[in-house]
Protein backbone atom coordinates (compact mmCIF):
# COMPACT_ATOMS: atom_id res chain seq x y z
CA MET A 1 19.35 13.91 21.49
CA TRP A 2 21.28 12.36 24.35
CA SER A 3 21.36 13.59 27.95
CA GLU A 4 24.54 13.66 30.05
CA ASP A 5 23.68 10.34 31.72
CA GLY A 6 23.27 8.55 28.36
CA SER A 7 19.48 8.51 28.24
CA VAL A 8 17.56 9.60 25.16
CA VAL A 9 15.74 12.93 25.17
CA LEU A 10 12.77 12.99 22.81
CA SER A 11 10.77 16.11 21.90
CA VAL A 12 7.47 15.95 20.03
CA ASP A 13 5.18 18.96 19.55
CA GLY A 14 6.77 20.85 22.43
CA THR A 15 6.59 17.91 24.86
CA THR A 16 9.92 16.53 26.02
CA CYS A 17 10.44 13.03 27.45
CA GLU A 18 13.60 11.41 28.75
CA LEU A 19 13.90 7.68 28.05
CA SER A 20 16.41 5.08 29.13
CA ARG A 21 18.22 3.23 26.35
CA ALA A 22 15.96 0.20 26.91
CA GLU A 23 12.80 2.35 26.73
CA ALA A 24 14.11 4.06 23.57
CA ALA A 25 14.80 0.66 21.98
CA ARG A 26 11.25 -0.52 22.78
CA LEU A 27 9.82 2.72 21.36
CA ARG A 28 11.90 2.36 18.19
CA ALA A 29 10.64 -1.22 17.71
CA ALA A 30 7.02 -0.14 18.28
CA VAL A 31 7.32 2.74 15.81
CA GLY A 32 8.90 0.41 13.25
CA GLU A 33 6.03 -2.04 13.60
CA ALA A 34 3.47 0.76 13.30
CA ALA A 35 5.21 2.16 10.22
CA SER A 36 5.18 -1.20 8.47
CA GLU A 37 1.91 -2.99 8.06
CA ARG A 38 1.13 -6.03 5.96
CA ARG A 39 -2.43 -6.79 5.00
CA GLU A 40 -3.33 -10.05 3.29
CA PHE A 41 -6.26 -10.61 1.00
CA VAL A 42 -7.39 -13.69 -0.95
CA HIS A 43 -4.77 -13.55 -3.73
CA THR A 44 -2.61 -10.52 -2.88
CA ALA A 45 -1.06 -8.69 0.05
CA GLY A 46 -0.19 -5.05 0.54
CA GLU A 47 2.70 -3.89 2.69
CA HIS A 48 3.28 -0.36 3.99
CA ARG A 49 7.03 -0.31 4.57
CA PRO A 50 8.96 1.81 7.10
CA ASP A 51 10.66 3.74 4.27
CA GLY A 52 7.24 4.93 3.02
CA THR A 53 7.04 2.62 0.02
CA TYR A 54 4.08 0.34 -0.62
CA ALA A 55 4.51 -3.17 -2.00
CA VAL A 56 1.80 -5.15 -3.76
CA LYS A 57 2.68 -8.84 -3.45
CA ARG A 58 1.28 -12.17 -4.47
CA ARG A 59 0.01 -13.66 -1.22
CA GLY A 60 2.39 -16.23 0.22
CA ALA A 61 5.23 -15.43 -2.21
CA ASP A 62 8.43 -13.64 -1.25
CA SER A 63 10.45 -13.30 -4.47
CA ALA A 64 10.89 -9.93 -6.18
CA GLY A 65 9.13 -11.30 -9.26
CA ASN A 66 5.97 -11.59 -7.19
CA ALA A 67 5.95 -7.97 -6.00
CA LYS A 68 5.55 -4.47 -7.36
CA VAL A 69 6.94 -1.73 -5.13
CA PHE A 70 5.48 1.77 -5.42
CA ASP A 71 6.98 4.97 -4.01
CA SER A 72 4.00 5.28 -1.66
CA PHE A 73 0.41 4.16 -1.21
CA ARG A 74 -0.58 7.50 -2.73
CA ALA A 75 1.26 6.43 -5.93
CA VAL A 76 -1.00 3.35 -6.06
CA GLU A 77 -4.05 5.57 -5.62
CA ARG A 78 -2.87 7.85 -8.44
CA LEU A 79 -2.41 4.82 -10.71
CA PHE A 80 -5.95 3.67 -9.93
CA ASP A 81 -7.29 7.17 -10.67
CA ARG A 82 -5.56 7.20 -14.09
CA LEU A 83 -7.05 3.88 -15.16
CA PRO A 84 -10.32 3.80 -17.13
CA ASP A 85 -13.66 2.82 -15.54
CA GLU A 86 -13.08 -0.78 -16.65
CA PHE A 87 -9.52 -2.02 -16.99
CA ASP A 88 -7.35 -5.10 -17.28
CA ALA A 89 -3.69 -6.07 -17.10
CA GLU A 90 -3.03 -4.51 -20.50
CA ALA A 91 -4.19 -1.10 -19.23
CA VAL A 92 -2.00 -1.47 -16.13
CA GLY A 93 0.90 -2.45 -18.42
CA ARG A 94 0.53 0.83 -20.31
CA GLU A 95 1.35 2.48 -16.98
CA GLY A 96 4.76 0.78 -16.95
CA ILE A 97 4.07 -2.35 -14.91
CA THR A 98 5.36 -5.47 -16.62
CA GLY A 99 4.91 -9.23 -16.60
CA SER A 100 2.67 -11.09 -14.19
CA ARG A 101 2.80 -8.11 -11.82
CA ARG A 102 0.19 -6.43 -14.05
CA HIS A 103 -2.42 -9.08 -13.19
CA MET A 104 -1.39 -9.02 -9.53
CA VAL A 105 -1.95 -5.24 -9.35
CA VAL A 106 -5.35 -5.55 -11.07
CA ARG A 107 -6.41 -8.20 -8.56
CA HIS A 108 -5.06 -6.10 -5.66
CA PHE A 109 -7.27 -3.18 -6.72
CA ALA A 110 -10.29 -5.50 -6.63
CA GLU A 111 -9.36 -6.94 -3.22
CA HIS A 112 -8.25 -3.82 -1.33
CA PRO A 113 -11.12 -1.91 0.33
CA ALA A 114 -9.51 1.46 -0.47
CA PHE A 115 -10.34 0.95 -4.16
CA ASP A 116 -13.99 1.09 -5.12
CA CYS A 117 -14.06 -1.61 -7.78
CA ARG A 118 -14.95 -5.24 -8.39
CA VAL A 119 -13.91 -8.07 -10.69
CA ALA A 120 -16.04 -7.78 -13.84
CA SER A 121 -14.51 -10.79 -15.59
CA ARG A 122 -12.08 -13.51 -14.47
CA SER A 123 -10.94 -14.63 -17.90
CA PRO A 124 -9.59 -12.32 -19.02
CA LEU A 125 -9.22 -10.59 -15.64
CA ARG A 126 -11.03 -7.24 -15.83
CA VAL A 127 -11.99 -4.84 -13.05
CA HIS A 128 -14.86 -2.36 -13.08
CA LYS A 129 -14.79 0.78 -10.92
CA GLU A 130 -17.93 1.07 -8.80
CA GLY A 131 -19.85 4.29 -8.24
CA VAL A 132 -18.91 5.60 -11.67
CA LEU A 133 -21.56 6.59 -14.19
CA GLY A 134 -19.90 7.91 -17.33
CA GLU A 135 -17.88 10.94 -16.19
CA VAL A 136 -19.91 11.44 -13.00
CA THR A 137 -18.80 9.89 -9.70
CA VAL A 138 -21.64 8.98 -7.36
CA PRO A 139 -20.87 10.22 -3.82
CA ALA A 140 -20.68 7.59 -1.08
CA ASP A 141 -23.36 7.72 1.65
């Protein structure tokens, strides 16, 4: 909302602030940076984008062929939850991910600390979920 003098009026949780155009521009840039975060690992990178999507990328590569974009990070978590206790690129491919992106997503699961798993085999690339005993999940301490 704009005030009569051209400043920006911002209301959040019942608190109202009036900002100059310059202050509003700095706030917009800071919010944009906070909403997008890129985290690099050994082989992959994950990017939380301002539009809410989450991209799994091959580290150091920028082409679309080296990225898989999910609707959200929660969508990546749901994919991980659907996969068996030990999985590979073929299992990820059955979830609709194609080409070399399948291997990239498998490796991203193993590298990202949000996913409790480790590389079980490098050739072929297989990942094993940690803390899983049959159908029982061991609670974290």
